[in-house]
Amino acid sequence: MSGPTKTMTVLTCTALVLTTAYTVALGSSGWLWFGLMVLFVATIGMAAADSSIPDAPPRPPTRPGPTQP
């Protein structure tokens, strides 16, 4: 998982905690939960796109070639 995907995951988890705390303290807001669901879908899409990119194959070790005079 790349750095931006980890950041997005932390942001999504933080938004879940804050939305839950807001709902408990002040009552439910449909727009907050809708926004959170949009953030969840974006995070899942970002993680899926990040995991579908294969790593580059390892390069063979370089050997010194013939020297030029």
Protein backbone atom coordinates (compact mmCIF):
# COMPACT_ATOMS: atom_id res chain seq x y z
CA MET A 1 0.00 0.00 0.00
CA SER A 2 1.47 3.32 -1.03
CA GLY A 3 1.75 6.45 1.10
CA PRO A 4 -1.27 8.28 -0.34
CA THR A 5 -3.46 5.20 0.13
CA LYS A 6 -2.40 4.89 3.77
CA THR A 7 -3.15 8.59 4.28
CA MET A 8 -6.60 8.18 2.72
CA THR A 9 -7.30 5.17 4.98
CA VAL A 10 -6.33 7.14 8.10
CA LEU A 11 -8.49 10.06 6.95
CA THR A 12 -11.46 7.73 6.40
CA CYS A 13 -11.09 6.11 9.84
CA THR A 14 -10.80 9.53 11.47
CA ALA A 15 -13.93 10.71 9.64
CA LEU A 16 -15.79 7.61 10.87
CA VAL A 17 -14.85 8.33 14.48
CA LEU A 18 -15.76 12.02 14.19
CA THR A 19 -19.07 11.30 12.45
CA THR A 20 -19.99 8.74 15.10
CA ALA A 21 -19.08 11.17 17.90
CA TYR A 22 -21.14 13.92 16.26
CA THR A 23 -24.11 11.57 15.92
CA VAL A 24 -23.92 10.51 19.56
CA ALA A 25 -23.52 14.07 20.85
CA LEU A 26 -25.81 16.09 18.59
CA GLY A 27 -27.97 13.66 16.64
CA SER A 28 -27.77 12.10 13.24
CA SER A 29 -27.02 14.05 10.10
CA GLY A 30 -27.74 12.28 6.85
CA TRP A 31 -25.31 14.44 4.89
CA LEU A 32 -22.43 13.51 7.19
CA TRP A 33 -23.14 9.81 6.76
CA PHE A 34 -23.58 10.22 3.01
CA GLY A 35 -20.23 12.03 2.81
CA LEU A 36 -18.62 9.29 4.86
CA MET A 37 -19.96 6.62 2.51
CA VAL A 38 -18.56 8.54 -0.48
CA LEU A 39 -15.21 8.68 1.31
CA PHE A 40 -15.39 4.92 1.99
CA VAL A 41 -16.04 4.15 -1.67
CA ALA A 42 -13.20 6.45 -2.77
CA THR A 43 -10.83 4.79 -0.30
CA ILE A 44 -11.78 1.29 -1.43
CA GLY A 45 -11.32 2.33 -5.05
CA MET A 46 -7.95 3.85 -4.30
CA ALA A 47 -6.80 0.72 -2.46
CA ALA A 48 -8.02 -1.52 -5.28
CA ALA A 49 -6.24 0.57 -7.91
CA ASP A 50 -3.07 0.61 -5.83
CA SER A 51 -3.05 -3.16 -5.37
CA SER A 52 -3.62 -3.88 -9.07
CA ILE A 53 -0.38 -2.24 -10.15
CA PRO A 54 2.28 -4.95 -10.21
CA ASP A 55 5.71 -4.26 -8.86
CA ALA A 56 8.46 -3.82 -11.39
CA PRO A 57 10.44 -6.99 -12.01
CA PRO A 58 13.90 -6.99 -10.47
CA ARG A 59 16.67 -5.99 -12.81
CA PRO A 60 19.51 -8.39 -13.38
CA PRO A 61 22.80 -7.34 -11.82
CA THR A 62 24.93 -5.25 -14.08
CA ARG A 63 28.26 -6.65 -15.12
CA PRO A 64 31.14 -4.49 -16.19
CA GLY A 65 31.53 -4.59 -19.95
CA PRO A 66 34.69 -4.38 -21.98
CA THR A 67 36.66 -1.26 -21.33
CA GLN A 68 37.21 1.22 -24.12
CA PRO A 69 40.79 2.63 -24.54
